């Protein structure tokens, strides 16, 4: 029988640093049982490594200083999180820089980082591995398009093997600068088409073919987000059932709006929902993507939320853990995909915090010999349902605060986003989201009629744990590393840890056991009702 998984504090933290041409990025992730990756931190520094390069491609002295400063800040973050396993990779700017060894030596001497300068093919392969962590496409031949600031990578791959990869000097920043010089979009389009057609890319894609096109860059994700949230035709409406994809027609309509007459390009991008950091470069990025669609015959493109950094971590785990399966768990991928679509970074971090709290609570109850509802025991798969619900409980906030839990329920239940779950399992996850706030459902609640008797019992147990975890997170009195649950003669005791400096409420008031119990009282009463056991709170 499978034993309980390791609690969060014993699980592996891994990190990847991507030294890109324009930005350096740090991803820190927690590796959970079954190979799931929880992104704990994402940091980004606008290093602009490619700015001011000499004619031979050498990195400029001021860019080198910015690079070391950015990596220094990343090093501090890794130490603060006690990350022991990290890989640093560099891409096009350093790949072509004659003086790259000067920077790499300085980084190694000061910070201890050993930087791997990726070849174009290696970078493409790792982007592909990242895509496979987001989309279940291992057995399909796919074309991956990754638009960066200074270049665009193209990959044709199948079953983990790269069939063809190339990188072209077409990036959203360099093309924005070109457009500023030439002053019209006709010249910009002609230049892009010329670079595409002069490369072997077009013939190789025709030769190899592809079943699905995938976009993995921030530019492409921003375009999809704008299309998804706003729509560009009243007849389209807002379709919450659609996956992460868009068509050539949708992209063409967006480009028309972005390149139209007054107001300015940046103002047009703002009105179409593009975030501030994207507005300056999104017009060139969208024009580039449309030319790629037309030149390579792409009608529709799927969008991956993962790319190079996730691919780097995936390969690290493949080499380090015998139990890691690169193509595993479509269920998990579909949950993460749905959560990322509707939730911003802050809400995702909040949801992940709740998952950590719930895992400690769940494991404490599961280790106990006490009976749940008289005859039921918790199993590891039960946590998967609650984990999905916690990651998705906020998605209805996209349309406003009022009644968001009901909107979240409808999105999960009716839109077909969760893959690999039975209809009853989807209903269970949706109900956990529906009842994570407001009234606690009684056993005979009309919403529970579609569940079997066993699932109704399971639902009430998981609902209690979900609500307590969310309430603990809301009152800011615990982290996932400082929560333990123990059986006692009277029932259960929840211990919130001994680091009282961290037990501060949002108004700076020290949270005692009595105050926390008062905050949790409604949920602790529900716990007693469902478990027939009391739950006390202590702060050593």
Protein backbone atom coordinates (compact mmCIF):
# COMPACT_ATOMS: atom_id res chain seq x y z
CA UNK A 1 0.00 0.00 0.00
CA UNK A 2 1.24 3.46 -0.89
CA UNK A 3 2.48 5.36 2.16
CA UNK A 4 1.77 9.01 2.89
CA UNK A 5 3.78 11.43 0.71
CA UNK A 6 6.42 13.66 2.15
CA UNK A 7 5.13 16.88 3.71
CA UNK A 8 6.03 20.11 1.88
CA UNK A 9 9.05 20.92 4.01
CA UNK A 10 10.67 17.61 2.95
CA UNK A 11 9.89 17.93 -0.74
CA UNK A 12 12.47 19.01 -3.28
CA UNK A 13 12.93 22.63 -4.30
CA UNK A 14 14.49 23.11 -7.74
CA UNK A 15 15.31 26.22 -9.73
CA UNK A 16 16.17 27.32 -13.25
CA UNK A 17 17.72 30.61 -14.32
CA UNK A 18 17.30 31.68 -17.95
CA UNK A 19 19.82 34.33 -19.07
CA UNK A 20 17.86 35.64 -22.04
CA UNK A 21 18.78 38.33 -24.54
CA UNK A 22 16.50 40.89 -22.92
CA UNK A 23 15.42 39.50 -19.55
CA UNK A 24 16.88 37.13 -16.99
CA UNK A 25 14.26 34.90 -15.36
CA UNK A 26 14.32 32.78 -12.20
CA UNK A 27 11.83 29.96 -11.63
CA UNK A 28 11.74 28.18 -8.27
CA UNK A 29 9.46 25.16 -8.11
CA UNK A 30 8.49 22.57 -5.53
CA UNK A 31 8.44 18.98 -6.73
CA UNK A 32 5.43 17.20 -5.27
CA UNK A 33 4.56 13.50 -5.31
CA UNK A 34 3.63 12.17 -8.76
CA UNK A 35 6.10 14.65 -10.30
CA UNK A 36 3.87 17.71 -10.03
CA UNK A 37 5.60 21.08 -10.15
CA UNK A 38 4.35 23.97 -8.04
CA UNK A 39 5.91 27.29 -9.10
CA UNK A 40 6.83 28.97 -5.81
CA UNK A 41 8.56 32.04 -7.20
CA UNK A 42 9.11 33.72 -10.54
CA UNK A 43 11.52 36.64 -10.71
CA UNK A 44 12.40 38.67 -13.76
CA UNK A 45 15.12 41.27 -14.33
CA UNK A 46 15.24 43.45 -17.50
CA UNK A 47 18.97 43.00 -18.07
CA UNK A 48 18.91 43.86 -21.81
CA UNK A 49 22.01 41.78 -22.40
CA UNK A 50 21.73 42.34 -26.14
CA UNK A 51 21.64 46.13 -25.92
CA UNK A 52 24.74 48.05 -27.02
CA UNK A 53 26.59 45.03 -28.38
CA UNK A 54 29.64 45.61 -30.51
CA UNK A 55 29.60 44.78 -34.21
CA UNK A 56 31.07 41.34 -33.48
CA UNK A 57 28.35 40.58 -30.93
CA UNK A 58 30.42 41.22 -27.79
CA UNK A 59 28.47 42.00 -24.63
CA UNK A 60 28.81 45.65 -23.60
CA UNK A 61 30.47 46.47 -20.24
CA UNK A 62 27.30 48.03 -18.77
CA UNK A 63 25.23 45.01 -19.84
CA UNK A 64 27.75 42.76 -18.11
CA UNK A 65 27.32 44.76 -14.89
CA UNK A 66 23.52 44.45 -15.14
CA UNK A 67 23.85 40.71 -15.71
CA UNK A 68 25.97 40.15 -12.60
CA UNK A 69 23.64 42.33 -10.52
CA UNK A 70 20.58 40.36 -11.65
CA UNK A 71 22.25 37.03 -10.92
CA UNK A 72 23.33 38.34 -7.52
CA UNK A 73 19.71 39.08 -6.63
CA UNK A 74 18.68 35.62 -7.85
CA UNK A 75 21.42 34.06 -5.71
CA UNK A 76 20.05 35.78 -2.62
CA UNK A 77 16.56 34.50 -3.42
CA UNK A 78 17.84 30.93 -3.81
CA UNK A 79 19.62 31.11 -0.47
CA UNK A 80 16.56 32.53 1.26
CA UNK A 81 14.47 29.62 -0.03
CA UNK A 82 17.23 27.07 0.68
CA UNK A 83 17.25 25.79 -2.90
CA UNK A 84 19.98 23.16 -3.33
CA UNK A 85 19.36 22.10 -6.93
CA UNK A 86 19.60 24.79 -9.62
CA UNK A 87 20.73 25.14 -13.22
CA UNK A 88 21.69 28.35 -15.01
CA UNK A 89 21.41 28.49 -18.81
CA UNK A 90 22.23 31.20 -21.34
CA UNK A 91 20.81 31.57 -24.83
CA UNK A 92 21.38 33.58 -28.01
CA UNK A 93 23.10 36.72 -26.69
CA UNK A 94 25.92 34.80 -24.98
CA UNK A 95 25.94 32.04 -27.56
CA UNK A 96 27.15 34.55 -30.17
CA UNK A 97 29.30 36.76 -27.91
CA UNK A 98 33.09 36.45 -28.43
CA UNK A 99 33.71 37.81 -24.91
CA UNK A 100 31.24 35.54 -23.14
CA UNK A 101 33.98 33.82 -21.13
CA UNK A 102 34.70 37.10 -19.31
CA UNK A 103 31.13 37.23 -18.01
CA UNK A 104 30.96 33.52 -17.24
CA UNK A 105 34.22 33.66 -15.28
CA UNK A 106 33.00 36.65 -13.25
CA UNK A 107 29.70 34.93 -12.48
CA UNK A 108 31.44 31.75 -11.39
CA UNK A 109 33.98 33.56 -9.23
CA UNK A 110 31.52 35.84 -7.42
CA UNK A 111 28.38 33.71 -7.24
CA UNK A 112 29.46 30.14 -7.84
CA UNK A 113 27.07 29.68 -10.79
CA UNK A 114 28.23 27.40 -13.57
CA UNK A 115 26.42 28.70 -16.65
CA UNK A 116 25.51 26.34 -19.49
CA UNK A 117 25.52 28.22 -22.80
CA UNK A 118 22.91 26.37 -24.84
CA UNK A 119 23.25 25.67 -28.53
CA UNK A 120 20.25 26.63 -30.64
CA UNK A 121 19.16 23.00 -30.94
CA UNK A 122 19.55 22.39 -27.20
CA UNK A 123 17.51 25.49 -26.37
CA UNK A 124 14.80 24.35 -28.76
CA UNK A 125 14.73 20.87 -27.21
CA UNK A 126 14.35 22.29 -23.70
CA UNK A 127 11.54 24.61 -24.83
CA UNK A 128 9.84 21.52 -26.25
CA UNK A 129 10.25 19.66 -22.94
CA UNK A 130 8.65 22.61 -21.18
CA UNK A 131 5.72 22.54 -23.58
CA UNK A 132 5.21 18.84 -22.84
CA UNK A 133 4.75 19.68 -19.15
CA UNK A 134 1.79 21.90 -20.06
CA UNK A 135 0.14 20.18 -23.02
CA UNK A 136 -0.38 16.39 -23.48
CA UNK A 137 1.25 16.27 -26.91
CA UNK A 138 4.08 13.75 -26.42
CA UNK A 139 2.80 11.42 -29.15
CA UNK A 140 1.97 14.18 -31.65
CA UNK A 141 4.24 15.89 -34.19
CA UNK A 142 4.20 19.54 -33.16
CA UNK A 143 5.64 22.82 -34.41
CA UNK A 144 6.71 25.05 -31.53
CA UNK A 145 7.07 28.81 -32.08
CA UNK A 146 8.79 30.83 -29.33
CA UNK A 147 9.05 34.59 -29.95
CA UNK A 148 11.73 36.32 -27.89
CA UNK A 149 13.05 39.86 -27.79
CA UNK A 150 15.89 39.31 -30.24
CA UNK A 151 15.02 36.07 -32.02
CA UNK A 152 12.32 33.47 -32.64
CA UNK A 153 12.90 29.75 -32.14
CA UNK A 154 11.15 27.11 -34.25
CA UNK A 155 11.02 23.42 -33.32
CA UNK A 156 9.44 20.43 -35.04
CA UNK A 157 9.40 17.47 -32.64
CA UNK A 158 7.70 14.17 -31.82
CA UNK A 159 7.86 11.76 -28.84
CA UNK A 160 10.55 13.77 -27.07
CA UNK A 161 12.83 13.97 -30.11
CA UNK A 162 13.63 17.21 -31.94
CA UNK A 163 13.31 16.63 -35.69
CA UNK A 164 14.32 20.14 -36.71
CA UNK A 165 15.18 23.33 -34.85
CA UNK A 166 16.31 26.76 -35.91
CA UNK A 167 16.55 30.30 -34.56
CA UNK A 168 15.93 33.38 -36.70
CA UNK A 169 16.88 36.97 -35.90
CA UNK A 170 13.27 38.09 -35.64
CA UNK A 171 12.30 39.31 -32.18
CA UNK A 172 9.64 41.65 -30.87
CA UNK A 173 12.20 44.19 -29.60
CA UNK A 174 14.45 44.18 -32.68
CA UNK A 175 11.41 44.41 -34.97
CA UNK A 176 10.00 47.30 -32.94
CA UNK A 177 13.29 49.14 -33.50
CA UNK A 178 13.13 48.28 -37.22
CA UNK A 179 9.58 49.62 -37.44
CA UNK A 180 10.60 52.85 -35.70
CA UNK A 181 13.26 53.33 -38.38
CA UNK A 182 11.19 52.40 -41.42
CA UNK A 183 7.95 53.99 -40.20
CA UNK A 184 5.37 51.77 -41.91
CA UNK A 185 3.97 48.30 -41.47
CA UNK A 186 4.33 47.34 -45.12
CA UNK A 187 8.12 47.46 -44.88
CA UNK A 188 8.02 45.59 -41.58
CA UNK A 189 5.96 42.77 -43.09
CA UNK A 190 8.18 42.58 -46.17
CA UNK A 191 11.29 42.33 -44.02
CA UNK A 192 9.82 39.53 -41.89
CA UNK A 193 8.71 37.56 -44.95
CA UNK A 194 12.17 37.96 -46.50
CA UNK A 195 13.94 36.54 -43.44
CA UNK A 196 11.48 33.64 -43.18
CA UNK A 197 11.70 32.70 -46.85
CA UNK A 198 15.49 32.97 -47.06
CA UNK A 199 15.93 30.42 -44.27
CA UNK A 200 15.57 26.63 -44.67
CA UNK A 201 12.62 26.80 -42.22
CA UNK A 202 9.78 26.87 -44.75
CA UNK A 203 11.02 23.87 -46.75
CA UNK A 204 11.84 21.85 -43.63
CA UNK A 205 8.40 22.43 -42.13
CA UNK A 206 6.78 21.39 -45.40
CA UNK A 207 8.98 18.29 -45.54
CA UNK A 208 8.38 17.16 -41.97
CA UNK A 209 4.84 18.40 -41.53
CA UNK A 210 3.13 18.92 -38.19
CA UNK A 211 -0.18 18.05 -36.58
CA UNK A 212 -0.40 20.92 -34.09
CA UNK A 213 1.27 24.32 -33.80
CA UNK A 214 2.15 25.51 -30.29
CA UNK A 215 3.19 28.97 -29.13
CA UNK A 216 5.19 29.19 -25.91
CA UNK A 217 6.39 32.77 -25.51
CA UNK A 218 5.13 35.63 -23.38
CA UNK A 219 4.22 37.50 -26.57
CA UNK A 220 1.99 34.68 -27.77
CA UNK A 221 0.44 34.16 -24.33
CA UNK A 222 -0.39 37.89 -24.17
CA UNK A 223 -2.03 37.76 -27.60
CA UNK A 224 -4.14 34.77 -26.59
CA UNK A 225 -5.13 36.46 -23.34
CA UNK A 226 -6.31 39.55 -25.18
CA UNK A 227 -8.34 37.48 -27.64
CA UNK A 228 -9.79 35.35 -24.86
CA UNK A 229 -10.75 38.12 -22.45
CA UNK A 230 -12.03 40.72 -24.86
CA UNK A 231 -13.08 39.04 -28.07
CA UNK A 232 -12.89 41.11 -31.21
CA UNK A 233 -16.32 40.46 -32.63
CA UNK A 234 -19.61 40.62 -30.78
CA UNK A 235 -20.70 37.42 -32.47
CA UNK A 236 -17.79 35.55 -30.87
CA UNK A 237 -18.84 36.43 -27.34
CA UNK A 238 -16.70 35.30 -24.44
CA UNK A 239 -16.35 31.53 -24.64
CA UNK A 240 -15.09 30.15 -21.35
CA UNK A 241 -15.21 26.63 -22.75
CA UNK A 242 -12.43 27.17 -25.27
CA UNK A 243 -8.92 25.92 -24.65
CA UNK A 244 -5.72 27.97 -24.83
CA UNK A 245 -5.69 28.55 -28.59
CA UNK A 246 -6.57 31.07 -31.26
CA UNK A 247 -7.02 31.10 -35.02
CA UNK A 248 -5.41 32.96 -37.89
CA UNK A 249 -8.62 34.95 -38.36
CA UNK A 250 -8.65 36.02 -34.70
CA UNK A 251 -5.00 37.01 -34.89
CA UNK A 252 -5.59 38.92 -38.13
CA UNK A 253 -8.43 40.88 -36.55
CA UNK A 254 -6.21 41.74 -33.59
CA UNK A 255 -3.40 42.93 -35.88
CA UNK A 256 -5.87 45.15 -37.75
CA UNK A 257 -6.87 46.79 -34.49
CA UNK A 258 -3.26 47.18 -33.32
CA UNK A 259 -2.04 48.69 -36.61
CA UNK A 260 -5.04 50.90 -37.31
CA UNK A 261 -5.12 54.71 -37.29
CA UNK A 262 -5.12 56.91 -34.18
CA UNK A 263 -4.59 56.63 -31.24
CA UNK A 264 -0.95 55.61 -30.81
CA UNK A 265 0.17 51.98 -30.98
CA UNK A 266 0.80 51.89 -27.22
CA UNK A 267 -2.64 53.37 -26.49
CA UNK A 268 -4.32 50.87 -28.84
CA UNK A 269 -2.51 48.02 -27.07
CA UNK A 270 -3.67 49.39 -23.72
CA UNK A 271 -7.30 49.48 -24.88
CA UNK A 272 -7.02 45.88 -26.05
CA UNK A 273 -6.01 44.71 -22.59
CA UNK A 274 -2.24 44.29 -22.98
CA UNK A 275 -0.27 44.81 -19.81
CA UNK A 276 2.05 47.78 -19.50
CA UNK A 277 5.32 45.92 -20.01
CA UNK A 278 4.02 44.38 -23.26
CA UNK A 279 2.46 47.41 -24.92
CA UNK A 280 5.60 48.86 -26.46
CA UNK A 281 6.54 45.67 -28.29
CA UNK A 282 3.26 43.79 -28.83
CA UNK A 283 2.46 45.35 -32.22
CA UNK A 284 5.67 44.07 -33.80
CA UNK A 285 5.20 40.70 -32.05
CA UNK A 286 1.66 40.32 -33.37
CA UNK A 287 2.65 41.31 -36.91
CA UNK A 288 5.53 38.82 -36.77
CA UNK A 289 3.26 36.02 -35.60
CA UNK A 290 0.71 36.68 -38.35
CA UNK A 291 3.46 36.50 -40.97
CA UNK A 292 4.63 33.19 -39.45
CA UNK A 293 1.05 31.87 -39.63
CA UNK A 294 0.73 32.80 -43.29
CA UNK A 295 4.20 31.68 -44.37
CA UNK A 296 4.06 28.28 -42.62
CA UNK A 297 0.38 27.62 -43.27
CA UNK A 298 -0.75 27.69 -39.61
CA UNK A 299 -4.53 27.95 -39.18
CA UNK A 300 -4.71 27.57 -35.40
CA UNK A 301 -2.16 27.63 -32.59
CA UNK A 302 -2.33 26.16 -29.10
CA UNK A 303 -0.66 28.10 -26.31
CA UNK A 304 1.65 26.69 -23.65
CA UNK A 305 2.08 28.38 -20.29
CA UNK A 306 5.47 26.67 -19.94
CA UNK A 307 8.65 27.05 -21.98
CA UNK A 308 12.44 27.04 -21.45
CA UNK A 309 12.64 27.32 -17.65
CA UNK A 310 10.14 24.51 -17.11
CA UNK A 311 12.00 22.42 -19.68
CA UNK A 312 15.26 22.92 -17.79
CA UNK A 313 13.65 21.77 -14.54
CA UNK A 314 11.98 18.84 -16.29
CA UNK A 315 15.32 17.58 -17.57
CA UNK A 316 16.90 18.04 -14.13
CA UNK A 317 14.19 15.84 -12.63
CA UNK A 318 14.47 13.27 -15.39
CA UNK A 319 18.17 12.89 -14.57
CA UNK A 320 17.75 13.09 -10.78
CA UNK A 321 14.59 11.10 -10.03
CA UNK A 322 13.91 7.61 -11.27
CA UNK A 323 10.16 8.01 -10.62
CA UNK A 324 9.77 11.14 -12.74
CA UNK A 325 7.73 10.65 -15.91
CA UNK A 326 7.98 13.49 -18.40
CA UNK A 327 4.69 12.63 -20.08
CA UNK A 328 2.66 11.97 -16.94
CA UNK A 329 -0.66 13.15 -15.60
CA UNK A 330 -2.99 14.87 -18.01
CA UNK A 331 -5.28 15.51 -15.04
CA UNK A 332 -2.74 17.70 -13.29
CA UNK A 333 -1.85 19.59 -16.46
CA UNK A 334 -5.47 20.41 -17.14
CA UNK A 335 -5.96 21.79 -13.61
CA UNK A 336 -2.84 23.97 -13.83
CA UNK A 337 -3.81 25.16 -17.31
CA UNK A 338 -7.27 26.22 -16.16
CA UNK A 339 -5.94 27.93 -13.03
CA UNK A 340 -3.30 29.86 -14.99
CA UNK A 341 -5.86 30.97 -17.57
CA UNK A 342 -8.14 32.70 -15.06
CA UNK A 343 -5.83 33.61 -12.16
CA UNK A 344 -3.06 36.19 -12.00
CA UNK A 345 0.28 35.48 -10.33
CA UNK A 346 -0.82 36.75 -6.91
CA UNK A 347 -3.96 34.62 -6.83
CA UNK A 348 -1.98 31.60 -7.99
CA UNK A 349 0.52 32.11 -5.16
CA UNK A 350 -2.34 32.41 -2.69
CA UNK A 351 -3.91 29.20 -3.99
CA UNK A 352 -0.57 27.36 -3.79
CA UNK A 353 -0.16 28.54 -0.20
CA UNK A 354 -3.56 27.05 0.60
CA UNK A 355 -2.52 23.76 -1.00
CA UNK A 356 0.51 23.57 1.31
CA UNK A 357 -1.63 24.25 4.39
CA UNK A 358 -4.24 21.72 3.31
CA UNK A 359 -1.59 19.05 2.68
CA UNK A 360 -0.27 19.27 6.23
CA UNK A 361 -3.81 19.21 7.63
CA UNK A 362 -4.80 16.30 5.37
CA UNK A 363 -1.72 14.25 6.26
CA UNK A 364 -2.27 14.83 9.98
CA UNK A 365 -5.85 13.55 9.77
CA UNK A 366 -4.83 10.68 7.50
CA UNK A 367 -2.12 9.45 9.88
CA UNK A 368 -4.66 9.20 12.68
CA UNK A 369 -6.43 5.97 13.59
CA UNK A 370 -9.60 7.91 14.36
CA UNK A 371 -12.56 7.17 12.14
CA UNK A 372 -14.00 9.74 9.75
CA UNK A 373 -17.81 9.82 9.66
CA UNK A 374 -17.78 6.46 11.37
CA UNK A 375 -16.36 4.32 8.57
CA UNK A 376 -14.43 6.32 5.94
CA UNK A 377 -10.67 6.73 5.61
CA UNK A 378 -8.77 9.28 3.56
CA UNK A 379 -6.63 8.15 0.63
CA UNK A 380 -3.96 9.98 -1.35
CA UNK A 381 -6.25 10.33 -4.36
CA UNK A 382 -8.70 12.27 -2.18
CA UNK A 383 -6.10 14.99 -1.72
CA UNK A 384 -5.86 15.31 -5.50
CA UNK A 385 -9.52 16.41 -5.60
CA UNK A 386 -8.97 18.98 -2.86
CA UNK A 387 -5.71 20.17 -4.44
CA UNK A 388 -7.54 20.80 -7.72
CA UNK A 389 -10.34 22.65 -5.92
CA UNK A 390 -7.90 24.89 -4.03
CA UNK A 391 -6.02 25.78 -7.20
CA UNK A 392 -9.31 26.61 -8.95
CA UNK A 393 -11.37 28.21 -6.18
CA UNK A 394 -10.53 31.77 -7.29
CA UNK A 395 -11.09 31.50 -11.04
CA UNK A 396 -14.53 33.12 -10.92
CA UNK A 397 -12.96 36.34 -9.60
CA UNK A 398 -12.10 37.24 -13.18
CA UNK A 399 -15.69 38.51 -13.55
CA UNK A 400 -15.93 40.19 -10.14
CA UNK A 401 -16.13 39.42 -6.44
CA UNK A 402 -19.86 38.95 -5.95
CA UNK A 403 -20.84 35.30 -6.25
CA UNK A 404 -17.46 34.30 -7.67
CA UNK A 405 -17.62 30.86 -6.02
CA UNK A 406 -20.76 30.07 -8.05
CA UNK A 407 -19.11 31.23 -11.29
CA UNK A 408 -16.05 29.12 -10.50
CA UNK A 409 -18.36 26.12 -10.02
CA UNK A 410 -20.02 26.66 -13.40
CA UNK A 411 -16.72 27.09 -15.25
CA UNK A 412 -15.35 23.82 -13.82
CA UNK A 413 -18.55 21.83 -14.27
CA UNK A 414 -19.72 22.96 -17.69
CA UNK A 415 -16.72 23.97 -19.80
CA UNK A 416 -14.86 20.67 -20.29
CA UNK A 417 -11.46 21.95 -19.15
CA UNK A 418 -10.54 19.07 -16.80
CA UNK A 419 -9.18 16.04 -18.64
CA UNK A 420 -8.80 12.53 -17.24
CA UNK A 421 -11.47 12.95 -14.56
CA UNK A 422 -14.77 11.09 -14.47
CA UNK A 423 -17.97 13.15 -14.50
CA UNK A 424 -18.47 12.42 -10.79
CA UNK A 425 -14.92 13.49 -9.96
CA UNK A 426 -15.42 16.76 -11.86
CA UNK A 427 -18.65 17.30 -9.94
CA UNK A 428 -16.80 16.68 -6.66
CA UNK A 429 -14.07 19.22 -7.49
CA UNK A 430 -16.66 21.75 -8.66
CA UNK A 431 -18.70 21.33 -5.46
CA UNK A 432 -15.63 21.80 -3.27
CA UNK A 433 -15.10 25.09 -5.08
CA UNK A 434 -18.79 26.04 -4.87
CA UNK A 435 -18.89 25.53 -1.10
CA UNK A 436 -15.46 26.79 -0.08
CA UNK A 437 -17.21 29.90 1.31
CA UNK A 438 -20.61 31.04 2.55
CA UNK A 439 -23.02 28.36 3.87
CA UNK A 440 -21.65 24.94 4.74
CA UNK A 441 -23.71 22.31 2.85
CA UNK A 442 -25.77 19.79 4.80
CA UNK A 443 -25.79 16.16 3.76
CA UNK A 444 -29.17 16.49 2.03
CA UNK A 445 -28.26 19.64 0.07
CA UNK A 446 -29.77 19.55 -3.43
CA UNK A 447 -26.35 20.20 -4.99
CA UNK A 448 -25.08 16.88 -3.59
CA UNK A 449 -27.79 14.70 -5.12
CA UNK A 450 -25.68 13.85 -8.17
CA UNK A 451 -22.99 12.30 -5.93
CA UNK A 452 -23.03 8.72 -4.69
CA UNK A 453 -23.36 8.16 -0.94
CA UNK A 454 -19.61 7.49 -0.72
CA UNK A 455 -18.77 10.67 -2.65
CA UNK A 456 -21.14 12.74 -0.51
CA UNK A 457 -19.33 11.54 2.59
CA UNK A 458 -15.96 12.22 0.98
CA UNK A 459 -17.12 15.66 -0.13
CA UNK A 460 -18.10 16.81 3.36
CA UNK A 461 -14.75 15.68 4.81
CA UNK A 462 -12.73 17.41 2.10
CA UNK A 463 -14.96 20.49 2.25
CA UNK A 464 -14.19 20.96 5.95
CA UNK A 465 -10.44 20.71 5.39
CA UNK A 466 -10.67 23.08 2.39
CA UNK A 467 -12.56 25.72 4.36
CA UNK A 468 -10.23 25.54 7.37
CA UNK A 469 -7.16 25.81 5.11
CA UNK A 470 -8.54 28.85 3.31
CA UNK A 471 -9.51 30.48 6.59
CA UNK A 472 -6.03 29.93 8.02
CA UNK A 473 -4.50 31.46 4.93
CA UNK A 474 -6.88 34.41 5.04
CA UNK A 475 -6.05 35.29 8.65
CA UNK A 476 -2.32 35.07 7.78
CA UNK A 477 -1.43 33.01 10.82
CA UNK A 478 0.32 29.99 9.34
CA UNK A 479 2.58 28.77 6.58
CA UNK A 480 2.62 25.25 5.19
CA UNK A 481 5.91 24.64 7.02
CA UNK A 482 4.46 25.53 10.44
CA UNK A 483 1.27 23.49 10.68
CA UNK A 484 0.84 20.05 12.19
CA UNK A 485 -2.25 18.11 13.24
CA UNK A 486 -2.15 15.46 15.98
CA UNK A 487 -4.78 13.15 17.48
CA UNK A 488 -5.53 13.70 21.18
CA UNK A 489 -7.83 12.05 23.70
CA UNK A 490 -10.44 14.75 23.09
CA UNK A 491 -10.11 14.74 19.28
CA UNK A 492 -7.42 16.59 17.34
CA UNK A 493 -4.98 19.40 18.02
CA UNK A 494 -3.73 21.82 15.35
CA UNK A 495 -0.27 23.18 16.21
CA UNK A 496 0.68 26.34 14.36
CA UNK A 497 4.39 26.34 15.17
CA UNK A 498 6.68 28.06 17.64
CA UNK A 499 7.90 30.99 15.51
CA UNK A 500 5.70 33.65 17.09
CA UNK A 501 7.36 36.42 15.09
CA UNK A 502 5.42 35.06 12.13
CA UNK A 503 2.10 34.75 13.98
CA UNK A 504 0.96 38.28 13.27
CA UNK A 505 -2.43 39.28 11.90
CA UNK A 506 -2.90 41.75 9.08
CA UNK A 507 -3.06 44.61 11.63
CA UNK A 508 0.10 43.58 13.49
CA UNK A 509 -1.77 41.95 16.39
CA UNK A 510 -0.10 38.88 17.84
CA UNK A 511 -2.37 35.91 17.19
CA UNK A 512 -2.87 33.75 20.27
CA UNK A 513 -4.54 30.33 20.35
CA UNK A 514 -7.75 31.94 21.62
CA UNK A 515 -7.84 34.56 18.86
CA UNK A 516 -7.16 31.99 16.15
CA UNK A 517 -9.83 29.63 17.53
CA UNK A 518 -12.31 32.50 17.50
CA UNK A 519 -11.42 33.27 13.88
CA UNK A 520 -11.86 29.61 12.97
CA UNK A 521 -14.90 28.94 15.18
CA UNK A 522 -17.51 28.40 12.42
CA UNK A 523 -15.18 26.04 10.55
CA UNK A 524 -14.14 24.19 13.73
CA UNK A 525 -17.85 23.64 14.47
CA UNK A 526 -18.25 22.16 10.98
CA UNK A 527 -15.21 19.96 11.64
CA UNK A 528 -16.85 18.61 14.81
CA UNK A 529 -20.12 18.03 12.97
CA UNK A 530 -18.48 16.00 10.19
CA UNK A 531 -15.72 14.20 12.11
CA UNK A 532 -17.56 13.82 15.42
CA UNK A 533 -14.31 15.01 16.99
CA UNK A 534 -13.25 18.35 18.44
CA UNK A 535 -10.35 20.32 16.98
CA UNK A 536 -8.31 22.59 19.25
CA UNK A 537 -5.63 25.12 18.26
CA UNK A 538 -2.32 25.70 20.01
CA UNK A 539 0.62 28.04 19.52
CA UNK A 540 3.62 26.70 21.51
